[in-house]
Structure formats: structure tokens, C-alpha cells
Amino acid sequence: MINVNGTPGAPPPIRKLVGLTGRQVPSKQASTVVRKPDGRDRPLLPLWAALFTAAVAGIVMDLAYPEVGFWPAAFVATGLVLVAAIGRSVAGSLAIGLVFGLVFFSLLVLWTSRYLGLIPWLALTAVEGALTAIGVIPLTLAYRWLPHLVPGVIGRLVLLPVLVAALWTGREVVLGMWPYGGLPWARLGMTQSESPTAELSSWVGVSGLSFLIVLSVAATLEWLRMGGWRHPLRIAIPVTLGGVLVMVPAFPTTLAGTMRIGAVQGNGPSGYFDEREPWAIAHAQGDATRPLYGENLDLLVWPEGMDADPFESNYLASYLTMISQQVGAPLLANAATSVDETLYNTSFVWDPRISTMPERDQLQTHAKRNPVPFGEYVPDRAFYNALVPDLIGLIQREYAHGTDAPLVTVNDVPIGLAICFDVIYDEVVAESINAGAQVLVFQTNNADFRGTDENLQQLAFARMRAIETGRSVVNVSTVGTSQIISPDGTTSASLPAGESGVMTADVELRTGTTLGTAIGTIVSWVLLWGGLGAVAIAALLFRTKTRR
């Protein structure tokens, strides 16, 4: 054989083949991914199939949340979204994100339509779906740029999954902050309350758990795309990630005794539009409390909501004193209270020794940090009133944002508080733990969402908080479902929805701050800005390399 240089028997150099054929012969180690001229992978699916896959992903993702609560669905749905997004243009990724977001949120928050009808549900779905669509764009850009810059095994199986996971989690962080305080309801980490992965939240927080879920899915997807099963060493990456997800034990906390707590679910007419007689809510709670008279309790807990401000009603103040005296323990209750004509959603500890109507500053109180927009107050009321005056006119209450610590002390035991939806805000729960809380009490009123998935979703979030913080949780609702949850996430006592009753338990007290509680907020910010910063740097490097 004669080569082009005239040397017998020698194979032609690669550069000569490139010149003769117009393309380079791929080696066995080269990636089989085909890219378009702009550097992005060719889509794994045609656009119509990708949009269909995104819609299926929205349905599957909803199955990961209660009522179904099938936690593996979160992994499957995440993988479907990534498969649909790879290789897409900016417009294509926007369309895929919008389809996924609209389908997912329309199912997840369908319970909002029960309160004020279709408009709030459609508006919330549209806003969250649009933000989700925008959040998918950086994912597709990461798939376009990073493999081009770092095409080897490290780039594809490590750096790319890390960046994709950071961007996904960063989108969750943004949705949890904006607009109007955000809605951190739809985080992947919150789907894992019944999963063996839940204990990881005690090390990295809920956002950190979201990151690890996406990381494992993205790494597995790249492993499959690269034919990783043909390379024994590459198998170690998905296997290691899977082991981390299910094998890591909970971060340890220290047992500090027990506290006997009784919690009451009155099942009274506590919905915003429920018809009721005077004092119907307080009486429903009081009647349900009777089985606890004379019990040796350290604390009695009522859920969120009361008929009036006990600091302005002699009758209600006397009634609460009677209840706490009959039980023989302080009463942790909740009501709308006013300070200088400003309304707050307030929890307070009612002492059985109170003989007259007390001043507010005589009792320990905590005001809800994050009142619900368009539920407990109307932001920019004049603007929205001009759009839907009939709907906005129904919402008369205007709760202010509380600023005091989410903590009270009973018999020298610090008790952390979160009122209703405050349970989903990391900073509220972390603040109480950092202040020394040895047990957590979550008071809520689910009456406006009777018969929906809302109370079960909120209960799952409460269970995640128990595991994340290493604390017992008393989650008590007006109408259910109420539970006392141990630090490992198991249920100690429970009351079903739609029934009145009481729960009692010798609740474990714990000290020590889990790593997830200590760094959870920091992890959220690092993932948000780290992911966006990495994409920006990748864009600059890609442009520079392309020009060269």
C-alpha cells in the first residue's frame, strides 16, 4: 500500500483524511452526540414529541405530591423534562417549560379554586407556569455550551449534571421568593417525606435535597447517552449517587427529655365563608377539648383561628382561661389580633392563671411572617380591584407581616412556631431552631380547602420539617388532617380530616442544630447564583472559542 506521501505500508494521517473526505473519522472514545452548527446537541425528540413529553412530565410530577404521594415520580418527571429540553432552541425550551409548568401547577394547586373560584387558580397557574418556562431556558443553554467546552467524561458526567441541578434548584428558589413572597410549595425536596432520601435534608436542607435529586437524574441520563454501561468505571458514578441518596443516615440530634402535649381538632365552621353562630369556632374547639380535662399535660395546642381578638373580648378571654384551667396547662392558641389598628395573624400562650382580660404584651406572642397574598391580604389592592372588583371585594382582611421571633417558652422548653403556610418557608423554621427550639408546633386552618389535597400536601411538608430539623412536630388543623410526628418522620398520633378529636403524646424534645437547618438557606443562594454565574461564564467561553 502506498500512502499519499509515497511511503509504502503506512496508513494515511488523520489530517489527510479530513482533507479528502471533509470530516474526521471518529475514534472509539469520541462522543456520539451530533451537534448543530451553533454548538447545541440535536434534540433527542422532535418538537411535537418533546411538548407531549413535557405535558406527561407535568402529570407525573403531580403524582409525587399528596394525595398520591408516589415519591419516585419526582425522579421520572425530572428526567422527562430534561430529555425534552436537550438540544432545543431558546424558543423551543420556553415552549417546553411552559407546557410542563402549566400542566403541573394546574394540577398541584387545583385546591385554590375551591376558595375563590377559577380566577385565582388560573392566575397562580399562569404565573408559576411562566416562571417555570423561563427557568428551563438556562437548562438548555447548559446542555448546549458545557459539553462543547468540556467534552470529556468529567464534563459530561460531573460538571454538566452539577450545573443542571443547580439551575433547576435555583428556579425553585426564585419561585419561592417572587412575586409577593413567592410560593416555595413545589420543590422536589418536599416530595420525599416518605422516601429513604428524606434524611438527606437534615444534611443539606430541602433545596439541597432538590439539587441531589436532579443531580442523580441528570448524571444517569448522561451516563445512558454516553453508553456508560459499556465502561465499568463509569458505572460507579450513578451507583455512588444512588447510594448517597438512600444510605446516608439522618444528622444526629440529642434527646433532651419529653413534653406531654395535647392537640385539639375541633372541626368547627372555621372557613372564610362558613355560616356560624357567635363563638362557634371557640366552642367547637372547647367542646372537643373536654376529654383532656384533668389530664397531666404540659401544653394544650389549638389550631389557627378564633372568632374574635381575645385581647379585646372579655367573653373569649374568660373562655380561654376556663379551658386552660380545666386542662391544667398553658394553652397555645391563635387569633386575628390588632395592634394600633394593624391586624396580625397571632399565636399566643394563654396562662391558666389569667383572671382578667390581659394586655397583649403580658403574653408570649408570635405573628405570622408570610400572610398569604390574595387570601390574608391583597397586595397592590387598587390595581387588582380595577381588574376584578367583585373578587377583590370579597377579601376584606388585611394581615400585616409579623416581625417577632417564631418562638415561645413553656416550662423552660423553647417551642418553635410556624403558622399555616409559614411551614414552607425555610427561614422561619430555621430561625426557631437557631433560637433553641426543642420541639415544633405548626397551627393551621385548612377549612377553606375541605375535600382537596391541600391539607395532605401541607402535612407532608410538616413531616419533611421534622426530618430536616431533627425535631418532633405537632401539626394541628381546625378540620384535619392533624398529626404528631416524631423526629424520624414517623407518626405518633393522628386525626383524620373532617372529624373532631384530640391527640396526646409524650413528645420527644431534642437539642442540637442539624447541618441542613444551619446551611439550608446558604445552599439555596449558592445554587441560585452559582448556577446562573456558571452559565454566564460558559456563554463567554463558548463565544470566545467559537470566534477563534
Protein backbone atom coordinates (compact mmCIF):
# COMPACT_ATOMS: atom_id res chain seq x y z
CA MET A 1 0.00 0.00 0.00
CA ILE A 2 1.30 3.45 -0.91
CA ASN A 3 0.22 6.45 1.19
CA VAL A 4 -0.18 9.98 -0.14
CA ASN A 5 3.40 10.77 0.85
CA GLY A 6 4.72 7.80 -1.09
CA THR A 7 5.73 5.73 1.96
CA PRO A 8 4.88 2.02 1.45
CA GLY A 9 2.61 0.34 4.01
CA ALA A 10 1.93 3.36 6.23
CA PRO A 11 -1.71 4.37 6.84
CA PRO A 12 -2.66 7.91 5.76
CA PRO A 13 -2.58 10.56 8.53
CA ILE A 14 -5.87 11.76 10.04
CA ARG A 15 -5.36 15.28 8.74
CA LYS A 16 -5.16 13.92 5.19
CA LEU A 17 -8.40 12.01 5.61
CA VAL A 18 -10.05 15.17 6.88
CA GLY A 19 -8.91 16.99 3.81
CA LEU A 20 -10.03 14.25 1.45
CA THR A 21 -13.41 13.44 2.97
CA GLY A 22 -14.38 16.72 4.66
CA ARG A 23 -14.88 15.08 8.01
CA GLN A 24 -12.85 13.43 10.75
CA VAL A 25 -13.14 9.72 11.36
CA PRO A 26 -14.40 9.35 14.95
CA SER A 27 -12.39 7.28 17.38
CA LYS A 28 -13.90 4.73 19.75
CA GLN A 29 -13.59 7.21 22.65
CA ALA A 30 -15.25 10.13 20.86
CA SER A 31 -18.74 11.16 21.85
CA THR A 32 -21.50 10.00 19.52
CA VAL A 33 -23.55 13.14 20.16
CA VAL A 34 -24.29 15.04 16.93
CA ARG A 35 -24.33 18.81 17.21
CA LYS A 36 -25.80 21.57 15.10
CA PRO A 37 -23.59 24.38 13.76
CA ASP A 38 -24.44 26.62 16.73
CA GLY A 39 -22.94 24.04 19.11
CA ARG A 40 -26.11 22.58 20.59
CA ASP A 41 -26.93 18.91 20.56
CA ARG A 42 -29.52 17.79 18.12
CA PRO A 43 -32.78 17.37 20.06
CA LEU A 44 -33.44 13.90 21.39
CA LEU A 45 -37.08 14.30 20.37
CA PRO A 46 -38.90 16.20 17.64
CA LEU A 47 -40.67 19.27 18.98
CA TRP A 48 -44.15 17.75 18.94
CA ALA A 49 -42.91 14.74 20.92
CA ALA A 50 -40.98 16.98 23.31
CA LEU A 51 -44.10 19.04 24.04
CA PHE A 52 -46.08 15.87 24.66
CA THR A 53 -43.31 14.58 26.94
CA ALA A 54 -43.34 17.87 28.87
CA ALA A 55 -47.10 17.55 29.41
CA VAL A 56 -46.66 13.97 30.63
CA ALA A 57 -43.88 15.18 32.95
CA GLY A 58 -46.29 17.69 34.49
CA ILE A 59 -48.81 14.93 35.23
CA VAL A 60 -46.16 12.58 36.61
CA MET A 61 -44.64 15.31 38.78
CA ASP A 62 -48.01 15.98 40.39
CA LEU A 63 -48.20 12.30 41.35
CA ALA A 64 -45.12 12.80 43.53
CA TYR A 65 -47.13 15.12 45.80
CA PRO A 66 -50.04 14.05 48.02
CA GLU A 67 -52.79 12.87 47.65
CA VAL A 68 -50.96 10.19 45.62
CA GLY A 69 -47.55 10.95 47.10
CA PHE A 70 -45.60 8.48 44.92
CA TRP A 71 -42.14 9.90 45.56
CA PRO A 72 -40.27 8.06 42.71
CA ALA A 73 -42.43 10.05 40.28
CA ALA A 74 -40.30 13.13 41.06
CA PHE A 75 -37.24 11.41 39.56
CA VAL A 76 -39.15 10.21 36.49
CA ALA A 77 -40.73 13.61 35.82
CA THR A 78 -37.39 15.39 36.17
CA GLY A 79 -35.84 13.03 33.63
CA LEU A 80 -38.70 13.61 31.18
CA VAL A 81 -38.26 17.38 31.36
CA LEU A 82 -34.50 17.10 30.73
CA VAL A 83 -34.99 14.73 27.80
CA ALA A 84 -37.46 17.15 26.26
CA ALA A 85 -35.16 20.15 26.81
CA ILE A 86 -31.86 18.79 25.46
CA GLY A 87 -30.90 20.33 22.12
CA ARG A 88 -33.77 22.77 21.96
CA SER A 89 -33.57 26.37 20.82
CA VAL A 90 -34.41 29.12 23.28
CA ALA A 91 -37.94 29.35 21.87
CA GLY A 92 -38.33 25.58 21.99
CA SER A 93 -37.16 25.35 25.58
CA LEU A 94 -39.55 28.16 26.51
CA ALA A 95 -42.44 26.22 24.97
CA ILE A 96 -41.45 23.00 26.73
CA GLY A 97 -41.11 24.76 30.10
CA LEU A 98 -44.47 26.46 29.63
CA VAL A 99 -46.28 23.21 28.83
CA PHE A 100 -44.67 21.44 31.77
CA GLY A 101 -45.30 24.34 34.17
CA LEU A 102 -48.92 24.90 33.20
CA VAL A 103 -49.86 21.22 33.38
CA PHE A 104 -48.00 20.64 36.65
CA PHE A 105 -49.22 23.69 38.55
CA SER A 106 -52.78 23.41 37.28
CA LEU A 107 -52.93 20.01 38.97
CA LEU A 108 -50.83 20.76 42.05
CA VAL A 109 -52.69 23.91 43.20
CA LEU A 110 -56.15 22.99 41.94
CA TRP A 111 -57.28 23.34 45.57
CA THR A 112 -57.01 27.14 45.27
CA SER A 113 -60.14 27.14 43.08
CA ARG A 114 -62.27 25.97 45.99
CA TYR A 115 -61.72 29.19 47.91
CA LEU A 116 -62.45 31.98 45.40
CA GLY A 117 -63.22 30.12 42.18
CA LEU A 118 -61.33 29.65 38.93
CA ILE A 119 -59.66 33.06 38.62
CA PRO A 120 -57.11 32.66 41.46
CA TRP A 121 -56.30 29.12 40.28
CA LEU A 122 -55.80 30.21 36.68
CA ALA A 123 -53.78 33.27 37.70
CA LEU A 124 -51.49 31.30 40.01
CA THR A 125 -51.05 28.56 37.41
CA ALA A 126 -50.21 31.11 34.71
CA VAL A 127 -47.64 32.97 36.83
CA GLU A 128 -45.89 29.83 38.11
CA GLY A 129 -46.04 28.22 34.66
CA ALA A 130 -44.48 31.29 33.02
CA LEU A 131 -41.67 31.43 35.59
CA THR A 132 -41.05 27.72 35.10
CA ALA A 133 -40.82 28.25 31.34
CA ILE A 134 -38.18 30.95 31.79
CA GLY A 135 -36.30 28.67 34.17
CA VAL A 136 -35.97 25.93 31.53
CA ILE A 137 -34.01 28.20 29.19
CA PRO A 138 -30.77 28.13 31.25
CA LEU A 139 -31.04 24.33 31.37
CA THR A 140 -30.99 24.06 27.59
CA LEU A 141 -28.12 26.56 27.38
CA ALA A 142 -26.13 24.45 29.85
CA TYR A 143 -26.65 21.40 27.64
CA ARG A 144 -25.59 23.46 24.61
CA TRP A 145 -22.42 25.05 25.95
CA LEU A 146 -20.83 22.94 28.68
CA PRO A 147 -20.30 19.66 26.71
CA HIS A 148 -18.75 21.76 23.93
CA LEU A 149 -16.32 23.35 26.39
CA VAL A 150 -15.57 20.24 28.48
CA PRO A 151 -16.41 17.27 26.24
CA GLY A 152 -14.80 14.51 28.28
CA VAL A 153 -16.16 12.19 30.94
CA ILE A 154 -15.68 14.75 33.73
CA GLY A 155 -17.56 17.39 31.78
CA ARG A 156 -20.43 15.15 30.76
CA LEU A 157 -20.88 13.02 33.89
CA VAL A 158 -19.89 15.51 36.60
CA LEU A 159 -19.81 19.18 35.62
CA LEU A 160 -22.89 19.16 33.40
CA PRO A 161 -25.17 17.35 35.92
CA VAL A 162 -23.95 19.66 38.70
CA LEU A 163 -24.78 22.74 36.64
CA VAL A 164 -28.18 21.40 35.53
CA ALA A 165 -29.08 20.53 39.14
CA ALA A 166 -28.01 23.97 40.36
CA LEU A 167 -30.11 25.70 37.69
CA TRP A 168 -33.18 23.57 38.44
CA THR A 169 -32.87 24.27 42.16
CA GLY A 170 -32.22 27.94 41.53
CA ARG A 171 -35.52 28.15 39.66
CA GLU A 172 -37.26 26.63 42.69
CA VAL A 173 -35.60 29.24 44.91
CA VAL A 174 -36.82 32.10 42.69
CA LEU A 175 -40.38 30.74 42.67
CA GLY A 176 -40.15 30.57 46.48
CA MET A 177 -39.30 34.28 46.74
CA TRP A 178 -41.19 36.09 43.97
CA PRO A 179 -43.73 37.52 43.40
CA TYR A 180 -45.24 38.71 46.69
CA GLY A 181 -43.03 36.50 48.84
CA GLY A 182 -43.16 33.57 46.43
CA LEU A 183 -44.63 30.08 46.70
CA PRO A 184 -41.99 27.52 47.80
CA TRP A 185 -44.68 24.84 47.57
CA ALA A 186 -43.46 22.92 44.51
CA ARG A 187 -39.92 21.92 45.46
CA LEU A 188 -38.65 18.47 44.58
CA GLY A 189 -37.25 18.03 48.08
CA MET A 190 -40.74 18.36 49.54
CA THR A 191 -41.91 15.27 47.63
CA GLN A 192 -39.62 12.99 49.61
CA SER A 193 -41.25 12.92 53.06
CA GLU A 194 -41.99 9.18 52.73
CA SER A 195 -38.78 8.40 50.86
CA PRO A 196 -35.45 6.97 52.09
CA THR A 197 -33.87 10.11 50.60
CA ALA A 198 -35.67 12.37 53.11
CA GLU A 199 -32.93 12.07 55.73
CA LEU A 200 -30.53 13.87 53.38
CA SER A 201 -32.50 17.06 54.09
CA SER A 202 -31.01 17.05 57.60
CA TRP A 203 -27.58 17.45 55.97
CA VAL A 204 -28.26 19.83 53.09
CA GLY A 205 -31.76 21.25 53.63
CA VAL A 206 -34.79 20.93 51.36
CA SER A 207 -33.21 22.86 48.48
CA GLY A 208 -30.08 20.77 48.82
CA LEU A 209 -32.20 17.64 48.53
CA SER A 210 -33.79 19.04 45.35
CA PHE A 211 -30.28 19.58 43.99
CA LEU A 212 -29.23 15.98 44.72
CA ILE A 213 -32.37 14.58 43.09
CA VAL A 214 -31.76 16.49 39.85
CA LEU A 215 -28.04 15.71 40.02
CA SER A 216 -28.72 11.98 40.17
CA VAL A 217 -31.22 12.13 37.31
CA ALA A 218 -29.02 14.32 35.08
CA ALA A 219 -25.93 12.18 35.72
CA THR A 220 -27.84 8.98 34.95
CA LEU A 221 -29.20 10.50 31.75
CA GLU A 222 -25.72 11.49 30.57
CA TRP A 223 -24.40 8.06 31.57
CA LEU A 224 -27.02 6.47 29.33
CA ARG A 225 -26.34 8.87 26.45
CA MET A 226 -22.62 8.06 26.61
CA GLY A 227 -23.20 4.29 26.73
CA GLY A 228 -21.84 4.18 30.26
CA TRP A 229 -22.83 0.55 30.80
CA ARG A 230 -20.01 -0.40 28.41
CA HIS A 231 -17.41 1.19 30.70
CA PRO A 232 -17.18 -0.38 34.20
CA LEU A 233 -15.57 2.67 35.79
CA ARG A 234 -18.36 4.96 34.61
CA ILE A 235 -20.95 2.77 36.31
CA ALA A 236 -19.55 3.99 39.63
CA ILE A 237 -21.00 7.48 39.16
CA PRO A 238 -24.75 6.66 39.10
CA VAL A 239 -24.25 3.86 41.62
CA THR A 240 -22.47 6.21 44.03
CA LEU A 241 -25.16 8.88 43.66
CA GLY A 242 -27.89 6.31 44.29
CA GLY A 243 -26.10 5.09 47.38
CA VAL A 244 -25.76 8.61 48.75
CA LEU A 245 -29.46 9.26 48.21
CA VAL A 246 -30.69 6.24 50.14
CA MET A 247 -27.91 5.23 52.54
CA VAL A 248 -26.96 8.42 54.40
CA PRO A 249 -28.50 8.45 57.93
CA ALA A 250 -30.12 11.49 59.47
CA PHE A 251 -27.91 14.15 61.02
CA PRO A 252 -27.84 13.39 64.77
CA THR A 253 -29.62 15.49 67.40
CA THR A 254 -29.66 14.94 71.16
CA LEU A 255 -32.60 13.72 73.23
CA ALA A 256 -33.39 16.26 75.97
CA GLY A 257 -36.43 14.68 77.64
CA THR A 258 -40.12 14.65 76.78
CA MET A 259 -43.08 17.02 76.97
CA ARG A 260 -46.67 15.80 77.23
CA ILE A 261 -48.69 17.71 74.65
CA GLY A 262 -52.37 17.54 73.83
CA ALA A 263 -53.65 18.88 70.49
CA VAL A 264 -57.29 19.54 69.59
CA GLN A 265 -59.01 19.41 66.19
CA GLY A 266 -62.42 20.99 66.70
CA ASN A 267 -63.78 20.62 63.13
CA GLY A 268 -65.79 23.80 63.57
CA PRO A 269 -67.12 26.23 60.92
CA SER A 270 -63.76 27.98 60.50
CA GLY A 271 -63.83 28.60 56.74
CA TYR A 272 -63.79 32.16 55.46
CA PHE A 273 -67.31 31.89 54.06
CA ASP A 274 -68.74 29.39 56.58
CA GLU A 275 -72.01 30.38 58.24
CA ARG A 276 -71.73 30.23 62.02
CA GLU A 277 -73.28 31.29 65.28
CA PRO A 278 -71.39 33.65 67.61
CA TRP A 279 -68.37 31.95 69.20
CA ALA A 280 -68.93 28.82 67.10
CA ILE A 281 -65.21 28.25 66.43
CA ALA A 282 -64.11 28.66 70.05
CA HIS A 283 -66.96 26.49 71.29
CA ALA A 284 -66.15 23.74 68.77
CA GLN A 285 -62.57 23.75 70.00
CA GLY A 286 -63.65 23.87 73.64
CA ASP A 287 -66.13 21.03 73.29
CA ALA A 288 -63.54 18.84 71.59
CA THR A 289 -61.09 19.61 74.42
CA ARG A 290 -63.28 18.10 77.17
CA PRO A 291 -61.66 14.63 77.06
CA LEU A 292 -58.42 16.31 78.15
CA TYR A 293 -59.85 17.83 81.33
CA GLY A 294 -57.73 16.74 84.25
CA GLU A 295 -55.06 15.22 82.04
CA ASN A 296 -51.50 15.70 83.17
CA LEU A 297 -50.45 17.87 80.22
CA ASP A 298 -47.54 20.26 79.87
CA LEU A 299 -49.13 22.09 76.93
CA LEU A 300 -52.50 22.24 75.17
CA VAL A 301 -52.48 23.26 71.49
CA TRP A 302 -55.36 24.65 69.43
CA PRO A 303 -55.12 25.26 65.69
CA GLU A 304 -55.13 28.52 63.75
CA GLY A 305 -58.14 30.83 64.02
CA MET A 306 -60.68 32.15 66.51
CA ASP A 307 -63.94 34.09 66.44
CA ALA A 308 -62.51 37.34 67.81
CA ASP A 309 -59.47 39.02 69.33
CA PRO A 310 -59.12 37.64 72.89
CA PHE A 311 -57.25 40.81 73.88
CA GLU A 312 -60.39 42.80 73.11
CA SER A 313 -63.15 40.34 74.13
CA ASN A 314 -63.90 39.71 77.82
CA TYR A 315 -66.00 36.67 76.95
CA LEU A 316 -63.32 34.99 74.83
CA ALA A 317 -60.59 35.80 77.38
CA SER A 318 -62.66 34.20 80.14
CA TYR A 319 -63.43 31.18 77.96
CA LEU A 320 -59.76 30.56 77.19
CA THR A 321 -58.88 30.88 80.87
CA MET A 322 -61.57 28.35 81.78
CA ILE A 323 -60.29 25.86 79.19
CA SER A 324 -56.66 26.14 80.29
CA GLN A 325 -57.67 25.82 83.96
CA GLN A 326 -59.77 22.71 83.31
CA VAL A 327 -56.88 21.09 81.44
CA GLY A 328 -54.33 22.37 83.93
CA ALA A 329 -51.83 23.53 81.32
CA PRO A 330 -50.98 26.61 79.24
CA LEU A 331 -52.97 26.91 76.00
CA LEU A 332 -51.21 27.73 72.75
CA ALA A 333 -53.95 29.25 70.60
CA ASN A 334 -54.26 31.60 67.62
CA ALA A 335 -56.47 34.50 66.56
CA ALA A 336 -56.53 37.65 64.48
CA THR A 337 -55.30 40.42 66.78
CA SER A 338 -54.82 44.13 66.25
CA VAL A 339 -52.04 46.44 67.37
CA ASP A 340 -52.58 50.15 66.71
CA GLU A 341 -55.21 49.25 64.10
CA THR A 342 -52.80 46.88 62.33
CA LEU A 343 -54.08 43.32 62.01
CA TYR A 344 -51.86 40.29 62.62
CA ASN A 345 -52.36 36.53 62.48
CA THR A 346 -51.12 35.83 66.01
CA SER A 347 -50.29 32.75 68.06
CA PHE A 348 -50.09 33.20 71.85
CA VAL A 349 -49.61 31.23 75.06
CA TRP A 350 -52.62 31.63 77.37
CA ASP A 351 -51.69 31.12 81.00
CA PRO A 352 -54.31 29.37 83.22
CA ARG A 353 -53.55 31.88 85.98
CA ILE A 354 -55.05 34.75 83.96
CA SER A 355 -58.09 36.10 85.80
CA THR A 356 -58.92 39.14 83.67
CA MET A 357 -58.52 40.14 80.02
CA PRO A 358 -54.74 40.59 79.61
CA GLU A 359 -52.79 43.12 77.64
CA ARG A 360 -51.08 41.74 74.57
CA ASP A 361 -47.59 42.39 75.95
CA GLN A 362 -48.38 40.31 79.05
CA LEU A 363 -48.35 37.11 76.98
CA GLN A 364 -45.86 35.45 74.67
CA THR A 365 -46.96 36.00 71.07
CA HIS A 366 -45.80 35.39 67.54
CA ALA A 367 -47.30 36.97 64.40
CA LYS A 368 -47.30 35.13 61.08
CA ARG A 369 -44.36 36.16 58.90
CA ASN A 370 -45.81 35.49 55.48
CA PRO A 371 -49.56 36.15 55.24
CA VAL A 372 -50.97 34.66 52.04
CA PRO A 373 -51.40 37.16 49.18
CA PHE A 374 -54.98 37.27 47.89
CA GLY A 375 -56.01 35.19 50.89
CA GLU A 376 -54.95 37.06 54.01
CA TYR A 377 -54.19 40.37 52.31
CA VAL A 378 -54.33 41.92 48.84
CA PRO A 379 -51.07 43.36 47.52
CA ASP A 380 -51.49 46.38 45.23
CA ARG A 381 -55.19 46.33 46.07
CA ALA A 382 -56.10 49.35 43.92
CA PHE A 383 -54.58 47.74 40.81
CA TYR A 384 -56.24 44.35 41.23
CA ASN A 385 -59.52 45.90 42.34
CA ALA A 386 -59.64 47.70 38.99
CA LEU A 387 -59.23 44.35 37.20
CA VAL A 388 -61.58 42.09 39.21
CA PRO A 389 -63.51 44.27 41.68
CA ASP A 390 -66.08 41.61 42.61
CA LEU A 391 -63.38 39.10 43.53
CA ILE A 392 -61.11 41.52 45.38
CA GLY A 393 -64.10 42.91 47.23
CA LEU A 394 -64.63 39.52 48.87
CA ILE A 395 -61.22 39.68 50.57
CA GLN A 396 -61.72 42.15 53.39
CA ARG A 397 -58.92 41.14 55.74
CA GLU A 398 -55.50 42.78 55.54
CA TYR A 399 -52.99 40.96 57.71
CA ALA A 400 -49.59 42.59 58.19
CA HIS A 401 -46.29 40.71 58.09
CA GLY A 402 -45.05 39.76 61.55
CA THR A 403 -41.51 40.52 62.67
CA ASP A 404 -41.16 38.83 66.07
CA ALA A 405 -39.32 35.56 66.69
CA PRO A 406 -41.24 32.32 65.92
CA LEU A 407 -40.60 31.03 69.43
CA VAL A 408 -42.36 30.75 72.80
CA THR A 409 -41.23 29.10 76.04
CA VAL A 410 -43.38 26.83 78.22
CA ASN A 411 -41.96 25.33 81.44
CA ASP A 412 -38.48 26.34 80.28
CA VAL A 413 -38.92 24.44 76.98
CA PRO A 414 -38.40 26.57 73.83
CA ILE A 415 -41.10 25.81 71.26
CA GLY A 416 -40.72 26.77 67.60
CA LEU A 417 -43.78 28.01 65.73
CA ALA A 418 -44.94 28.25 62.14
CA ILE A 419 -48.47 29.40 61.34
CA CYS A 420 -50.15 27.67 58.40
CA PHE A 421 -48.21 28.28 55.15
CA ASP A 422 -45.19 29.59 57.07
CA VAL A 423 -44.20 25.92 57.30
CA ILE A 424 -42.91 26.07 53.71
CA TYR A 425 -40.52 28.97 54.34
CA ASP A 426 -37.07 27.70 55.31
CA GLU A 427 -36.02 30.85 57.13
CA VAL A 428 -38.98 30.78 59.54
CA VAL A 429 -38.32 27.21 60.66
CA ALA A 430 -34.54 27.71 60.76
CA GLU A 431 -34.89 30.83 62.91
CA SER A 432 -36.82 28.96 65.60
CA ILE A 433 -34.29 26.11 65.65
CA ASN A 434 -31.36 28.52 65.81
CA ALA A 435 -33.10 30.23 68.74
CA GLY A 436 -33.10 26.91 70.63
CA ALA A 437 -36.48 25.32 69.82
CA GLN A 438 -36.64 21.75 71.12
CA VAL A 439 -40.00 20.92 69.51
CA LEU A 440 -42.01 22.47 66.66
CA VAL A 441 -45.73 23.33 66.65
CA PHE A 442 -47.50 24.14 63.37
CA GLN A 443 -51.02 25.60 63.68
CA THR A 444 -53.14 25.73 60.56
CA ASN A 445 -56.68 26.20 59.27
CA ASN A 446 -57.50 24.09 56.21
CA ALA A 447 -61.25 24.74 56.30
CA ASP A 448 -61.21 26.75 53.07
CA PHE A 449 -59.79 23.69 51.27
CA ARG A 450 -62.02 20.92 52.62
CA GLY A 451 -62.06 17.87 50.37
CA THR A 452 -58.87 18.79 48.47
CA ASP A 453 -55.24 17.66 48.51
CA GLU A 454 -54.07 20.85 50.24
CA ASN A 455 -54.09 19.56 53.81
CA LEU A 456 -52.20 16.38 52.86
CA GLN A 457 -49.58 18.37 50.95
CA GLN A 458 -49.10 20.68 53.91
CA LEU A 459 -48.88 17.70 56.26
CA ALA A 460 -46.14 16.18 54.07
CA PHE A 461 -44.20 19.44 54.34
CA ALA A 462 -44.55 19.29 58.13
CA ARG A 463 -43.12 15.75 58.07
CA MET A 464 -40.17 16.95 55.99
CA ARG A 465 -39.53 19.67 58.59
CA ALA A 466 -39.40 17.06 61.35
CA ILE A 467 -36.77 15.06 59.47
CA GLU A 468 -34.83 18.11 58.30
CA THR A 469 -34.58 19.68 61.78
CA GLY A 470 -34.42 16.50 63.89
CA ARG A 471 -37.39 17.76 65.93
CA SER A 472 -40.81 16.41 66.88
CA VAL A 473 -43.63 18.27 65.14
CA VAL A 474 -47.18 18.86 66.38
CA ASN A 475 -49.20 19.74 63.27
CA VAL A 476 -52.75 20.67 64.30
CA SER A 477 -55.53 21.78 61.97
CA THR A 478 -59.03 23.09 62.54
CA VAL A 479 -60.55 20.42 60.28
CA GLY A 480 -57.66 17.97 59.67
CA THR A 481 -55.56 16.16 58.91
CA SER A 482 -53.67 16.64 62.24
CA GLN A 483 -50.66 14.61 63.37
CA ILE A 484 -47.91 14.42 65.96
CA ILE A 485 -44.74 13.47 64.09
CA SER A 486 -41.50 12.08 65.56
CA PRO A 487 -38.06 13.42 64.53
CA ASP A 488 -37.58 10.47 62.18
CA GLY A 489 -40.80 11.30 60.33
CA THR A 490 -42.98 8.55 61.81
CA THR A 491 -46.47 9.38 63.05
CA SER A 492 -47.07 9.21 66.81
CA ALA A 493 -50.74 10.25 66.77
CA SER A 494 -53.20 11.26 64.08
CA LEU A 495 -56.70 12.64 63.49
CA PRO A 496 -58.40 12.25 60.08
CA ALA A 497 -59.89 15.17 58.19
CA GLY A 498 -63.47 16.12 58.90
CA GLU A 499 -63.62 14.80 62.47
CA SER A 500 -63.26 16.41 65.87
CA GLY A 501 -60.94 14.85 68.40
CA VAL A 502 -57.80 15.10 70.48
CA MET A 503 -54.25 13.76 70.25
CA THR A 504 -51.88 13.30 73.17
CA ALA A 505 -48.28 12.13 73.22
CA ASP A 506 -45.12 12.31 75.27
CA VAL A 507 -43.28 14.26 72.61
CA GLU A 508 -39.50 13.94 72.36
CA LEU A 509 -37.53 17.12 72.99
CA ARG A 510 -34.32 17.50 71.03
CA THR A 511 -31.33 19.84 71.10
CA GLY A 512 -28.62 20.46 68.52
CA THR A 513 -28.91 22.02 65.09
CA THR A 514 -28.78 19.79 62.03
CA LEU A 515 -26.40 20.79 59.26
CA GLY A 516 -29.35 21.12 56.89
CA THR A 517 -31.00 23.67 59.16
CA ALA A 518 -27.76 25.59 59.62
CA ILE A 519 -26.81 25.86 55.95
CA GLY A 520 -30.12 25.34 54.14
CA THR A 521 -30.63 28.99 53.26
CA ILE A 522 -26.97 29.39 52.28
CA VAL A 523 -27.24 26.35 50.00
CA SER A 524 -30.26 27.91 48.27
CA TRP A 525 -28.41 31.15 47.50
CA VAL A 526 -25.22 29.40 46.41
CA LEU A 527 -27.12 27.16 43.99
CA LEU A 528 -29.13 30.07 42.58
CA TRP A 529 -26.25 32.45 41.91
CA GLY A 530 -23.65 29.75 41.34
CA GLY A 531 -25.76 28.17 38.60
CA LEU A 532 -26.52 31.47 36.86
CA GLY A 533 -22.90 32.58 37.18
CA ALA A 534 -21.63 29.32 35.71
CA VAL A 535 -23.96 29.64 32.72
CA ALA A 536 -22.80 33.21 32.13
CA ILE A 537 -19.15 32.11 32.22
CA ALA A 538 -19.91 29.20 29.88
CA ALA A 539 -21.56 31.62 27.45
CA LEU A 540 -18.48 33.85 27.36
CA LEU A 541 -16.08 30.93 26.93
CA PHE A 542 -18.24 29.36 24.23
CA ARG A 543 -18.42 32.62 22.29
CA THR A 544 -14.68 33.13 22.58
CA LYS A 545 -13.95 29.57 21.44
CA THR A 546 -16.36 29.85 18.53
CA ARG A 547 -14.77 33.08 17.31
CA ARG A 548 -11.32 31.52 17.46
